[in-house]
């Protein structure tokens, strides 16, 4: 019998909004190699890995064959170093509305909580936000071989919690993430606008509640 046992969160756009920092870091890196990107293009990078994001940027500039794998790894490292520098000002004040009480309510209901973020900086971000102890398991992005919309990271998160995917609800703000959740066999709650395939869609995180999550699971 299916029973709600866990809630699995994405990080950027759900727990905190560091997407703008990603954009600034990618924009600078792209400019360094004579490629111009804007915020609309940056939306296509949401929810996917660092190297996959770099490949999309290189393809946009018609430079996908101009760099060796080693050079691409150096570019990705350069972007990440800039992103980490930008994150230094992150604090608990940057937790998105409603998230802290939601995590507390989920914990009080004896449900498990995991993070399924493709960001290798996720542990550092959670620490800066003061939320490390709110999560039972963090999927290790460094060990994920397939980026969203592949379900791998959500399956890894469920396995890390010791729950069946069918007994979990995932929360995402990116289309690739929603598709990953559904492919994993979980119920999906989307945050934002324009997302398709969700079991429930809210305009912002302040609308997320434990009661909603429980209702979505019963759909």
N, C-alpha and C. Protein backbone atom coordinates (compact mmCIF):
# COMPACT_ATOMS: atom_id res chain seq x y z
N UNK A 1 0.85 -1.20 0.00
CA UNK A 1 0.00 0.00 0.00
C UNK A 1 0.89 1.25 0.00
N UNK A 2 0.53 2.18 -0.86
CA UNK A 2 1.31 3.42 -0.92
C UNK A 2 1.04 4.28 0.32
N UNK A 3 2.11 4.85 0.84
CA UNK A 3 1.99 5.72 2.00
C UNK A 3 3.05 6.80 1.90
N UNK A 4 2.65 8.05 2.10
CA UNK A 4 3.61 9.14 2.02
C UNK A 4 4.67 8.98 3.11
N UNK A 5 5.93 8.88 2.67
CA UNK A 5 7.03 8.69 3.61
C UNK A 5 8.10 9.79 3.50
N UNK A 6 8.14 10.48 2.35
CA UNK A 6 9.25 11.42 2.17
C UNK A 6 8.89 12.56 1.22
N UNK A 7 9.57 13.69 1.41
CA UNK A 7 9.46 14.83 0.51
C UNK A 7 10.88 15.15 0.04
N UNK A 8 11.05 15.26 -1.26
CA UNK A 8 12.37 15.48 -1.84
C UNK A 8 12.38 16.83 -2.57
N UNK A 9 13.29 17.69 -2.16
CA UNK A 9 13.34 19.06 -2.66
C UNK A 9 14.48 19.28 -3.66
N UNK A 10 14.20 20.11 -4.64
CA UNK A 10 15.27 20.74 -5.42
C UNK A 10 15.80 21.88 -4.55
N UNK A 11 16.90 22.48 -4.95
CA UNK A 11 17.50 23.56 -4.16
C UNK A 11 17.22 24.94 -4.76
N UNK A 12 17.83 25.22 -5.90
CA UNK A 12 17.69 26.54 -6.52
C UNK A 12 16.25 26.78 -6.95
N UNK A 13 15.66 27.86 -6.46
CA UNK A 13 14.29 28.20 -6.84
C UNK A 13 13.24 27.57 -5.96
N UNK A 14 13.65 26.67 -5.05
CA UNK A 14 12.71 26.02 -4.14
C UNK A 14 13.09 26.30 -2.68
N UNK A 15 14.33 26.06 -2.32
CA UNK A 15 14.81 26.34 -0.96
C UNK A 15 15.34 27.77 -0.88
N UNK A 16 16.12 28.15 -1.86
CA UNK A 16 16.65 29.51 -1.96
C UNK A 16 16.76 29.86 -3.43
N UNK A 17 16.97 31.12 -3.74
CA UNK A 17 17.06 31.51 -5.15
C UNK A 17 18.47 31.98 -5.46
N UNK A 18 19.32 31.01 -5.78
CA UNK A 18 20.68 31.36 -6.18
C UNK A 18 20.83 31.32 -7.70
N UNK A 19 19.69 31.19 -8.39
CA UNK A 19 19.73 31.13 -9.85
C UNK A 19 20.36 32.39 -10.44
N UNK A 20 20.12 33.53 -9.80
CA UNK A 20 20.67 34.78 -10.33
C UNK A 20 22.20 34.76 -10.23
N UNK A 21 22.71 34.17 -9.16
CA UNK A 21 24.16 34.06 -9.02
C UNK A 21 24.74 33.17 -10.11
N UNK A 22 24.01 32.06 -10.41
CA UNK A 22 24.44 31.19 -11.50
C UNK A 22 24.49 31.99 -12.81
N UNK A 23 23.44 32.77 -13.03
CA UNK A 23 23.36 33.56 -14.26
C UNK A 23 24.53 34.53 -14.39
N UNK A 24 24.81 35.24 -13.31
CA UNK A 24 25.92 36.20 -13.35
C UNK A 24 27.26 35.51 -13.64
N UNK A 25 27.45 34.34 -13.04
CA UNK A 25 28.71 33.61 -13.24
C UNK A 25 28.80 33.06 -14.66
N UNK A 26 27.71 32.50 -15.17
CA UNK A 26 27.71 31.98 -16.54
C UNK A 26 27.85 33.11 -17.56
N UNK A 27 27.18 34.23 -17.29
CA UNK A 27 27.24 35.36 -18.22
C UNK A 27 28.67 35.87 -18.36
N UNK A 28 29.38 35.95 -17.23
CA UNK A 28 30.76 36.41 -17.25
C UNK A 28 31.65 35.42 -17.99
N UNK A 29 31.47 34.13 -17.71
CA UNK A 29 32.28 33.12 -18.39
C UNK A 29 32.02 33.14 -19.89
N UNK A 30 30.75 33.24 -20.28
CA UNK A 30 30.40 33.27 -21.70
C UNK A 30 31.04 34.48 -22.37
N UNK A 31 31.00 35.63 -21.71
CA UNK A 31 31.59 36.84 -22.28
C UNK A 31 33.10 36.67 -22.46
N UNK A 32 33.72 35.94 -21.54
CA UNK A 32 35.16 35.71 -21.61
C UNK A 32 35.56 34.92 -22.87
N UNK A 33 34.62 34.14 -23.40
CA UNK A 33 34.90 33.37 -24.62
C UNK A 33 34.04 33.87 -25.79
N UNK A 34 33.65 35.15 -25.69
CA UNK A 34 32.95 35.84 -26.78
C UNK A 34 31.60 35.23 -27.14
N UNK A 35 30.86 34.81 -26.10
CA UNK A 35 29.49 34.34 -26.30
C UNK A 35 28.59 35.18 -25.41
N UNK A 36 27.49 35.62 -25.96
CA UNK A 36 26.57 36.45 -25.19
C UNK A 36 25.34 35.64 -24.81
N UNK A 37 24.99 35.65 -23.53
CA UNK A 37 23.75 35.00 -23.08
C UNK A 37 22.93 36.02 -22.29
N UNK A 38 21.61 35.79 -22.26
CA UNK A 38 20.74 36.67 -21.49
C UNK A 38 19.96 35.83 -20.48
N UNK A 39 19.10 36.49 -19.72
CA UNK A 39 18.37 35.78 -18.67
C UNK A 39 17.39 34.77 -19.25
N UNK A 40 16.85 35.04 -20.43
CA UNK A 40 15.94 34.09 -21.07
C UNK A 40 16.68 32.79 -21.39
N UNK A 41 17.90 32.92 -21.93
CA UNK A 41 18.69 31.72 -22.22
C UNK A 41 19.05 31.00 -20.92
N UNK A 42 19.33 31.77 -19.88
CA UNK A 42 19.69 31.17 -18.60
C UNK A 42 18.61 30.26 -18.06
N UNK A 43 17.35 30.55 -18.42
CA UNK A 43 16.24 29.70 -17.98
C UNK A 43 16.40 28.26 -18.49
N UNK A 44 17.04 28.11 -19.66
CA UNK A 44 17.22 26.77 -20.24
C UNK A 44 18.29 25.98 -19.47
N UNK A 45 19.05 26.65 -18.62
CA UNK A 45 20.11 25.99 -17.86
C UNK A 45 19.62 25.50 -16.51
N UNK A 46 18.40 25.87 -16.14
CA UNK A 46 17.88 25.51 -14.82
C UNK A 46 17.74 24.00 -14.67
N UNK A 47 18.25 23.50 -13.57
CA UNK A 47 18.05 22.09 -13.24
C UNK A 47 19.01 21.12 -13.90
N UNK A 48 19.93 21.61 -14.72
CA UNK A 48 20.85 20.69 -15.37
C UNK A 48 22.27 20.90 -14.86
N UNK A 49 23.13 19.94 -15.10
CA UNK A 49 24.47 19.96 -14.51
C UNK A 49 25.35 21.07 -15.08
N UNK A 50 26.46 21.30 -14.40
CA UNK A 50 27.41 22.34 -14.80
C UNK A 50 27.97 22.09 -16.19
N UNK A 51 28.43 20.86 -16.44
CA UNK A 51 29.03 20.55 -17.74
C UNK A 51 27.99 20.58 -18.86
N UNK A 52 26.78 20.12 -18.57
CA UNK A 52 25.72 20.18 -19.58
C UNK A 52 25.35 21.64 -19.88
N UNK A 53 25.36 22.47 -18.84
CA UNK A 53 25.09 23.91 -19.04
C UNK A 53 26.16 24.53 -19.93
N UNK A 54 27.42 24.18 -19.66
CA UNK A 54 28.52 24.70 -20.47
C UNK A 54 28.37 24.27 -21.93
N UNK A 55 27.99 23.03 -22.14
CA UNK A 55 27.80 22.53 -23.51
C UNK A 55 26.73 23.33 -24.24
N UNK A 56 25.65 23.69 -23.55
CA UNK A 56 24.58 24.48 -24.17
C UNK A 56 25.08 25.88 -24.53
N UNK A 57 25.89 26.46 -23.65
CA UNK A 57 26.44 27.79 -23.91
C UNK A 57 27.38 27.76 -25.11
N UNK A 58 28.24 26.75 -25.17
CA UNK A 58 29.17 26.62 -26.29
C UNK A 58 28.41 26.41 -27.60
N UNK A 59 27.34 25.61 -27.54
CA UNK A 59 26.54 25.36 -28.73
C UNK A 59 25.87 26.64 -29.20
N UNK A 60 25.42 27.46 -28.25
CA UNK A 60 24.77 28.73 -28.59
C UNK A 60 25.73 29.63 -29.36
N UNK A 61 27.00 29.59 -28.96
CA UNK A 61 28.01 30.43 -29.61
C UNK A 61 28.68 29.76 -30.80
N UNK A 62 28.22 28.54 -31.14
CA UNK A 62 28.83 27.81 -32.24
C UNK A 62 30.26 27.39 -31.96
N UNK A 63 30.58 27.20 -30.68
CA UNK A 63 31.96 26.88 -30.30
C UNK A 63 32.07 25.51 -29.62
N UNK A 64 31.09 24.65 -29.86
CA UNK A 64 31.08 23.36 -29.16
C UNK A 64 32.27 22.47 -29.49
N UNK A 65 32.96 22.74 -30.62
CA UNK A 65 34.11 21.91 -31.01
C UNK A 65 35.45 22.62 -30.80
N UNK A 66 35.39 23.78 -30.14
CA UNK A 66 36.60 24.59 -30.00
C UNK A 66 37.43 24.27 -28.75
N UNK A 67 36.91 23.42 -27.87
CA UNK A 67 37.60 23.17 -26.61
C UNK A 67 37.74 21.68 -26.34
N UNK A 68 38.86 21.30 -25.78
CA UNK A 68 39.06 19.91 -25.36
C UNK A 68 38.29 19.70 -24.06
N UNK A 69 38.14 18.43 -23.67
CA UNK A 69 37.45 18.13 -22.42
C UNK A 69 38.17 18.79 -21.25
N UNK A 70 39.48 18.78 -21.26
CA UNK A 70 40.24 19.40 -20.18
C UNK A 70 39.99 20.91 -20.13
N UNK A 71 39.95 21.54 -21.29
CA UNK A 71 39.68 22.98 -21.34
C UNK A 71 38.27 23.29 -20.84
N UNK A 72 37.32 22.43 -21.20
CA UNK A 72 35.94 22.63 -20.76
C UNK A 72 35.84 22.47 -19.24
N UNK A 73 36.58 21.53 -18.70
CA UNK A 73 36.58 21.35 -17.24
C UNK A 73 37.17 22.58 -16.55
N UNK A 74 38.17 23.18 -17.17
CA UNK A 74 38.76 24.40 -16.62
C UNK A 74 37.77 25.56 -16.67
N UNK A 75 37.02 25.65 -17.77
CA UNK A 75 36.00 26.70 -17.89
C UNK A 75 34.92 26.52 -16.83
N UNK A 76 34.48 25.27 -16.64
CA UNK A 76 33.44 25.00 -15.65
C UNK A 76 33.94 25.32 -14.25
N UNK A 77 35.20 25.01 -13.97
CA UNK A 77 35.78 25.30 -12.66
C UNK A 77 35.86 26.82 -12.43
N UNK A 78 36.20 27.55 -13.49
CA UNK A 78 36.28 29.00 -13.41
C UNK A 78 34.91 29.60 -13.09
N UNK A 79 33.89 29.09 -13.77
CA UNK A 79 32.53 29.56 -13.50
C UNK A 79 32.15 29.27 -12.06
N UNK A 80 32.48 28.07 -11.58
CA UNK A 80 32.09 27.69 -10.23
C UNK A 80 32.79 28.54 -9.19
N UNK A 81 34.05 28.85 -9.43
CA UNK A 81 34.79 29.69 -8.49
C UNK A 81 34.13 31.07 -8.36
N UNK A 82 33.68 31.61 -9.49
CA UNK A 82 32.99 32.90 -9.48
C UNK A 82 31.66 32.78 -8.73
N UNK A 83 30.93 31.70 -8.98
CA UNK A 83 29.64 31.46 -8.33
C UNK A 83 29.82 31.36 -6.81
N UNK A 84 30.83 30.61 -6.38
CA UNK A 84 31.10 30.44 -4.95
C UNK A 84 31.43 31.78 -4.31
N UNK A 85 32.16 32.61 -5.01
CA UNK A 85 32.49 33.95 -4.51
C UNK A 85 31.22 34.77 -4.30
N UNK A 86 30.29 34.65 -5.26
CA UNK A 86 29.03 35.39 -5.15
C UNK A 86 28.18 34.89 -3.99
N UNK A 87 28.33 33.61 -3.64
CA UNK A 87 27.51 33.02 -2.58
C UNK A 87 27.93 33.42 -1.18
N UNK A 88 29.04 34.10 -1.05
CA UNK A 88 29.57 34.42 0.27
C UNK A 88 28.62 35.26 1.12
N UNK A 89 27.72 35.97 0.47
CA UNK A 89 26.78 36.81 1.20
C UNK A 89 25.48 36.09 1.54
N UNK A 90 25.37 34.81 1.17
CA UNK A 90 24.15 34.05 1.41
C UNK A 90 23.96 33.81 2.91
N UNK A 91 22.69 33.93 3.39
CA UNK A 91 22.40 33.70 4.81
C UNK A 91 20.98 33.17 4.95
N UNK A 92 20.57 32.94 6.18
CA UNK A 92 19.22 32.44 6.45
C UNK A 92 18.15 33.39 5.90
N UNK A 93 18.50 34.65 5.73
CA UNK A 93 17.55 35.63 5.19
C UNK A 93 17.20 35.32 3.74
N UNK A 94 18.00 34.46 3.10
CA UNK A 94 17.77 34.12 1.70
C UNK A 94 16.95 32.85 1.50
N UNK A 95 16.48 32.25 2.60
CA UNK A 95 15.57 31.11 2.47
C UNK A 95 14.26 31.63 1.90
N UNK A 96 13.71 30.95 0.91
CA UNK A 96 12.49 31.43 0.26
C UNK A 96 11.29 31.35 1.21
N UNK A 97 10.28 32.21 1.00
CA UNK A 97 9.13 32.30 1.90
C UNK A 97 8.43 30.95 2.12
N UNK A 98 8.14 30.66 3.37
CA UNK A 98 7.38 29.45 3.71
C UNK A 98 8.19 28.18 3.84
N UNK A 99 9.43 28.18 3.39
CA UNK A 99 10.21 26.95 3.36
C UNK A 99 10.61 26.48 4.77
N UNK A 100 11.05 27.39 5.62
CA UNK A 100 11.50 26.97 6.96
C UNK A 100 10.36 26.34 7.76
N UNK A 101 9.17 26.98 7.82
CA UNK A 101 8.07 26.33 8.54
C UNK A 101 7.60 25.04 7.86
N UNK A 102 7.71 24.97 6.53
CA UNK A 102 7.32 23.74 5.83
C UNK A 102 8.23 22.59 6.22
N UNK A 103 9.53 22.84 6.25
CA UNK A 103 10.48 21.79 6.65
C UNK A 103 10.19 21.33 8.08
N UNK A 104 9.87 22.27 8.96
CA UNK A 104 9.56 21.93 10.35
C UNK A 104 8.29 21.09 10.44
N UNK A 105 7.29 21.43 9.62
CA UNK A 105 6.02 20.68 9.63
C UNK A 105 6.21 19.26 9.11
N UNK A 106 7.04 19.14 8.06
CA UNK A 106 7.32 17.81 7.51
C UNK A 106 8.04 16.95 8.54
N UNK A 107 8.99 17.55 9.23
CA UNK A 107 9.74 16.84 10.27
C UNK A 107 8.80 16.42 11.40
N UNK A 108 7.92 17.33 11.80
CA UNK A 108 6.99 17.04 12.91
C UNK A 108 6.03 15.91 12.56
N UNK A 109 5.77 15.73 11.26
CA UNK A 109 4.88 14.66 10.80
C UNK A 109 5.63 13.34 10.63
N UNK A 110 6.90 13.31 11.05
CA UNK A 110 7.73 12.11 10.97
C UNK A 110 7.95 11.63 9.53
N UNK A 111 7.98 12.58 8.61
CA UNK A 111 8.31 12.26 7.22
C UNK A 111 9.78 12.56 6.99
N UNK A 112 10.38 11.85 6.05
CA UNK A 112 11.80 12.06 5.76
C UNK A 112 11.97 13.16 4.71
N UNK A 113 13.14 13.80 4.73
CA UNK A 113 13.40 14.93 3.84
C UNK A 113 14.75 14.74 3.16
N UNK A 114 14.77 14.91 1.83
CA UNK A 114 16.03 14.80 1.08
C UNK A 114 16.17 15.97 0.13
N UNK A 115 17.39 16.19 -0.31
CA UNK A 115 17.68 17.21 -1.32
C UNK A 115 18.17 16.52 -2.58
N UNK A 116 17.59 16.90 -3.72
CA UNK A 116 17.99 16.34 -5.01
C UNK A 116 18.40 17.49 -5.92
N UNK A 117 19.59 18.02 -5.66
CA UNK A 117 20.10 19.14 -6.44
C UNK A 117 21.32 18.70 -7.23
N UNK A 118 21.39 19.13 -8.50
CA UNK A 118 22.56 18.80 -9.31
C UNK A 118 23.73 19.74 -9.01
N UNK A 119 23.54 20.67 -8.08
CA UNK A 119 24.61 21.58 -7.71
C UNK A 119 25.59 20.90 -6.76
N UNK A 120 26.86 20.88 -7.14
CA UNK A 120 27.88 20.32 -6.27
C UNK A 120 28.15 21.23 -5.07
N UNK A 121 27.61 22.44 -5.11
CA UNK A 121 27.76 23.38 -4.01
C UNK A 121 26.62 23.28 -3.00
N UNK A 122 25.70 22.34 -3.21
CA UNK A 122 24.51 22.25 -2.36
C UNK A 122 24.83 22.17 -0.87
N UNK A 123 25.79 21.35 -0.43
CA UNK A 123 26.09 21.30 1.01
C UNK A 123 26.53 22.65 1.56
N UNK A 124 27.32 23.38 0.78
CA UNK A 124 27.78 24.70 1.21
C UNK A 124 26.62 25.67 1.29
N UNK A 125 25.71 25.60 0.31
CA UNK A 125 24.55 26.50 0.31
C UNK A 125 23.66 26.22 1.52
N UNK A 126 23.38 24.95 1.79
CA UNK A 126 22.54 24.60 2.95
C UNK A 126 23.19 25.08 4.25
N UNK A 127 24.50 24.93 4.35
CA UNK A 127 25.20 25.38 5.55
C UNK A 127 25.07 26.89 5.72
N UNK A 128 25.21 27.63 4.62
CA UNK A 128 25.08 29.09 4.68
C UNK A 128 23.68 29.51 5.10
N UNK A 129 22.69 28.72 4.69
CA UNK A 129 21.29 29.01 5.02
C UNK A 129 20.93 28.54 6.43
N UNK A 130 21.79 27.73 7.03
CA UNK A 130 21.50 27.17 8.35
C UNK A 130 20.49 26.04 8.31
N UNK A 131 20.43 25.32 7.18
CA UNK A 131 19.42 24.28 7.00
C UNK A 131 19.97 22.86 6.92
N UNK A 132 21.26 22.70 7.14
CA UNK A 132 21.87 21.38 6.99
C UNK A 132 21.13 20.31 7.79
N UNK A 133 20.79 20.62 9.05
CA UNK A 133 20.16 19.63 9.92
C UNK A 133 18.70 19.37 9.58
N UNK A 134 18.15 20.14 8.65
CA UNK A 134 16.75 19.93 8.25
C UNK A 134 16.59 18.79 7.27
N UNK A 135 17.70 18.30 6.72
CA UNK A 135 17.64 17.26 5.70
C UNK A 135 18.24 15.95 6.20
N UNK A 136 17.55 14.86 5.91
CA UNK A 136 18.03 13.53 6.30
C UNK A 136 19.06 12.99 5.31
N UNK A 137 18.97 13.46 4.07
CA UNK A 137 19.88 12.92 3.05
C UNK A 137 20.08 13.95 1.94
N UNK A 138 21.32 14.08 1.49
CA UNK A 138 21.64 14.94 0.35
C UNK A 138 22.19 14.05 -0.76
N UNK A 139 21.53 14.02 -1.91
CA UNK A 139 22.06 13.27 -3.05
C UNK A 139 23.36 13.93 -3.49
N UNK A 140 24.39 13.13 -3.68
CA UNK A 140 25.71 13.66 -4.05
C UNK A 140 25.77 13.91 -5.55
N UNK A 141 25.71 15.20 -5.92
CA UNK A 141 25.69 15.56 -7.34
C UNK A 141 26.95 15.08 -8.07
N UNK A 142 28.05 14.96 -7.35
CA UNK A 142 29.31 14.53 -7.98
C UNK A 142 29.24 13.08 -8.45
N UNK A 143 28.30 12.31 -7.90
CA UNK A 143 28.19 10.90 -8.27
C UNK A 143 27.04 10.63 -9.23
N UNK A 144 26.35 11.70 -9.62
CA UNK A 144 25.23 11.55 -10.56
C UNK A 144 25.77 11.59 -11.98
N UNK A 145 25.46 10.57 -12.77
CA UNK A 145 25.98 10.49 -14.13
C UNK A 145 25.02 11.04 -15.17
N UNK A 146 23.72 11.09 -14.83
CA UNK A 146 22.72 11.59 -15.78
C UNK A 146 21.99 12.79 -15.18
N UNK A 147 22.04 13.91 -15.88
CA UNK A 147 21.41 15.13 -15.39
C UNK A 147 19.90 15.07 -15.59
N UNK A 148 19.16 15.89 -14.84
CA UNK A 148 17.73 16.04 -15.09
C UNK A 148 17.52 16.46 -16.55
N UNK A 149 16.52 15.96 -17.25
CA UNK A 149 15.30 15.28 -16.78
C UNK A 149 15.42 13.79 -16.50
N UNK A 150 16.61 13.22 -16.58
CA UNK A 150 16.78 11.84 -16.15
C UNK A 150 16.41 11.74 -14.66
N UNK A 151 15.74 10.69 -14.24
CA UNK A 151 15.29 10.58 -12.84
C UNK A 151 16.36 10.17 -11.84
N UNK A 152 17.60 9.95 -12.31
CA UNK A 152 18.63 9.37 -11.44
C UNK A 152 18.74 10.04 -10.08
N UNK A 153 18.84 11.36 -10.04
CA UNK A 153 19.10 12.02 -8.76
C UNK A 153 17.94 11.86 -7.78
N UNK A 154 16.70 11.80 -8.29
CA UNK A 154 15.55 11.59 -7.40
C UNK A 154 15.50 10.14 -6.93
N UNK A 155 15.89 9.22 -7.78
CA UNK A 155 15.96 7.81 -7.37
C UNK A 155 17.04 7.61 -6.32
N UNK A 156 18.18 8.28 -6.51
CA UNK A 156 19.27 8.21 -5.53
C UNK A 156 18.82 8.79 -4.19
N UNK A 157 18.09 9.91 -4.24
CA UNK A 157 17.60 10.54 -3.01
C UNK A 157 16.64 9.61 -2.27
N UNK A 158 15.72 8.98 -3.00
CA UNK A 158 14.77 8.06 -2.38
C UNK A 158 15.51 6.88 -1.75
N UNK A 159 16.48 6.34 -2.50
CA UNK A 159 17.25 5.20 -1.99
C UNK A 159 18.04 5.60 -0.74
N UNK A 160 18.58 6.82 -0.75
CA UNK A 160 19.32 7.32 0.41
C UNK A 160 18.46 7.44 1.65
N UNK A 161 17.18 7.71 1.44
CA UNK A 161 16.24 7.81 2.56
C UNK A 161 15.69 6.44 2.96
N UNK A 162 15.88 5.46 2.07
CA UNK A 162 15.34 4.13 2.32
C UNK A 162 13.85 4.03 2.06
N UNK A 163 13.36 4.82 1.09
CA UNK A 163 11.93 4.77 0.75
C UNK A 163 11.74 4.43 -0.72
N UNK A 164 10.60 3.86 -1.04
CA UNK A 164 10.26 3.60 -2.43
C UNK A 164 9.88 4.92 -3.10
N UNK A 165 10.29 5.12 -4.36
CA UNK A 165 9.93 6.37 -5.04
C UNK A 165 8.42 6.65 -5.04
N UNK A 166 7.62 5.61 -5.13
CA UNK A 166 6.17 5.79 -5.16
C UNK A 166 5.63 6.35 -3.85
N UNK A 167 6.45 6.33 -2.81
CA UNK A 167 6.02 6.85 -1.51
C UNK A 167 6.62 8.22 -1.21
N UNK A 168 7.05 8.91 -2.27
CA UNK A 168 7.66 10.23 -2.09
C UNK A 168 7.01 11.27 -3.01
N UNK A 169 7.11 12.52 -2.59
CA UNK A 169 6.67 13.67 -3.39
C UNK A 169 7.90 14.53 -3.65
N UNK A 170 8.08 14.97 -4.89
CA UNK A 170 9.19 15.84 -5.24
C UNK A 170 8.71 17.26 -5.52
N UNK A 171 9.55 18.24 -5.20
CA UNK A 171 9.19 19.65 -5.41
C UNK A 171 10.28 20.30 -6.26
N UNK A 172 9.88 20.90 -7.36
CA UNK A 172 10.82 21.46 -8.36
C UNK A 172 10.30 22.78 -8.92
N UNK A 173 11.24 23.59 -9.44
CA UNK A 173 10.84 24.83 -10.12
C UNK A 173 11.23 24.82 -11.59
N UNK A 174 11.85 23.73 -12.06
CA UNK A 174 12.30 23.65 -13.46
C UNK A 174 11.60 22.51 -14.17
N UNK A 175 11.34 22.71 -15.47
CA UNK A 175 10.65 21.68 -16.25
C UNK A 175 11.44 20.37 -16.26
N UNK A 176 12.76 20.48 -16.41
CA UNK A 176 13.58 19.26 -16.41
C UNK A 176 13.45 18.52 -15.09
N UNK A 177 13.32 19.26 -14.00
CA UNK A 177 13.17 18.65 -12.70
C UNK A 177 11.83 17.96 -12.53
N UNK A 178 10.77 18.60 -13.01
CA UNK A 178 9.43 18.00 -12.95
C UNK A 178 9.42 16.68 -13.72
N UNK A 179 10.02 16.69 -14.90
CA UNK A 179 10.07 15.47 -15.71
C UNK A 179 10.88 14.38 -15.01
N UNK A 180 11.94 14.78 -14.31
CA UNK A 180 12.75 13.81 -13.57
C UNK A 180 11.94 13.18 -12.44
N UNK A 181 11.18 14.00 -11.72
CA UNK A 181 10.35 13.49 -10.62
C UNK A 181 9.34 12.48 -11.14
N UNK A 182 8.63 12.85 -12.20
CA UNK A 182 7.60 11.96 -12.75
C UNK A 182 8.20 10.67 -13.29
N UNK A 183 9.37 10.78 -13.94
CA UNK A 183 10.04 9.59 -14.46
C UNK A 183 10.50 8.67 -13.34
N UNK A 184 10.74 9.26 -12.18
CA UNK A 184 11.14 8.45 -11.02
C UNK A 184 9.97 7.73 -10.38
N UNK A 185 8.75 8.08 -10.81
CA UNK A 185 7.56 7.44 -10.27
C UNK A 185 7.02 8.13 -9.02
N UNK A 186 7.36 9.41 -8.87
CA UNK A 186 6.90 10.19 -7.72
C UNK A 186 5.82 11.19 -8.14
N UNK A 187 5.08 11.69 -7.17
CA UNK A 187 4.19 12.82 -7.39
C UNK A 187 5.05 14.08 -7.46
N UNK A 188 4.63 15.04 -8.30
CA UNK A 188 5.43 16.24 -8.52
C UNK A 188 4.65 17.51 -8.22
N UNK A 189 5.26 18.37 -7.41
CA UNK A 189 4.71 19.71 -7.17
C UNK A 189 5.66 20.71 -7.82
N UNK A 190 5.11 21.58 -8.65
CA UNK A 190 5.91 22.58 -9.33
C UNK A 190 5.76 23.95 -8.68
N UNK A 191 6.83 24.72 -8.71
CA UNK A 191 6.81 26.09 -8.17
C UNK A 191 7.13 27.05 -9.31
N UNK A 192 6.23 27.96 -9.59
CA UNK A 192 6.45 28.92 -10.67
C UNK A 192 5.32 28.90 -11.67
N UNK A 193 5.62 29.26 -12.91
CA UNK A 193 4.60 29.29 -13.96
C UNK A 193 5.11 28.54 -15.19
N UNK A 194 4.17 28.08 -15.98
CA UNK A 194 4.53 27.46 -17.25
C UNK A 194 5.03 26.03 -17.18
N UNK A 195 5.05 25.45 -15.98
CA UNK A 195 5.50 24.06 -15.85
C UNK A 195 4.36 23.11 -16.23
N UNK A 196 4.69 22.09 -16.98
CA UNK A 196 3.67 21.11 -17.39
C UNK A 196 4.00 19.75 -16.79
N UNK A 197 2.94 18.95 -16.58
CA UNK A 197 3.12 17.60 -16.07
C UNK A 197 3.15 17.48 -14.57
N UNK A 198 2.90 18.59 -13.86
CA UNK A 198 2.90 18.54 -12.39
C UNK A 198 1.58 17.97 -11.88
N UNK A 199 1.61 17.46 -10.65
CA UNK A 199 0.37 17.04 -10.00
C UNK A 199 -0.27 18.22 -9.28
N UNK A 200 0.54 19.23 -9.00
CA UNK A 200 0.06 20.48 -8.41
C UNK A 200 1.07 21.57 -8.76
N UNK A 201 0.57 22.76 -9.04
CA UNK A 201 1.45 23.87 -9.40
C UNK A 201 1.10 25.07 -8.54
N UNK A 202 2.11 25.66 -7.88
CA UNK A 202 1.90 26.86 -7.07
C UNK A 202 2.74 27.99 -7.64
N UNK A 203 2.29 29.21 -7.41
CA UNK A 203 2.98 30.37 -7.99
C UNK A 203 4.29 30.68 -7.28
N UNK A 204 4.35 30.38 -5.98
CA UNK A 204 5.58 30.64 -5.23
C UNK A 204 5.63 29.75 -4.00
N UNK A 205 6.77 29.72 -3.33
CA UNK A 205 6.98 28.78 -2.23
C UNK A 205 6.09 29.05 -1.02
N UNK A 206 5.60 30.28 -0.88
CA UNK A 206 4.75 30.58 0.27
C UNK A 206 3.44 29.80 0.23
N UNK A 207 3.11 29.27 -0.94
CA UNK A 207 1.87 28.50 -1.10
C UNK A 207 2.05 27.02 -0.77
N UNK A 208 3.29 26.60 -0.52
CA UNK A 208 3.55 25.19 -0.20
C UNK A 208 3.21 24.90 1.25
N UNK A 209 2.41 23.86 1.48
CA UNK A 209 2.07 23.45 2.84
C UNK A 209 2.13 21.93 2.94
N UNK A 210 2.25 21.42 4.16
CA UNK A 210 2.23 19.98 4.37
C UNK A 210 0.89 19.40 3.93
N UNK A 211 -0.21 20.11 4.23
CA UNK A 211 -1.53 19.62 3.84
C UNK A 211 -1.62 19.45 2.33
N UNK A 212 -1.05 20.39 1.57
CA UNK A 212 -1.06 20.28 0.11
C UNK A 212 -0.27 19.06 -0.34
N UNK A 213 0.89 18.86 0.26
CA UNK A 213 1.73 17.73 -0.12
C UNK A 213 0.99 16.42 0.14
N UNK A 214 0.34 16.35 1.27
CA UNK A 214 -0.42 15.14 1.62
C UNK A 214 -1.58 14.93 0.64
N UNK A 215 -2.24 16.02 0.25
CA UNK A 215 -3.35 15.93 -0.70
C UNK A 215 -2.85 15.47 -2.07
N UNK A 216 -1.72 16.03 -2.54
CA UNK A 216 -1.16 15.65 -3.83
C UNK A 216 -0.82 14.17 -3.84
N UNK A 217 -0.32 13.67 -2.74
CA UNK A 217 0.07 12.25 -2.67
C UNK A 217 -1.14 11.34 -2.87
N UNK A 218 -2.31 11.84 -2.45
CA UNK A 218 -3.52 11.01 -2.54
C UNK A 218 -4.16 11.03 -3.93
N UNK A 219 -3.69 11.91 -4.81
CA UNK A 219 -4.28 12.03 -6.15
C UNK A 219 -4.12 10.72 -6.92
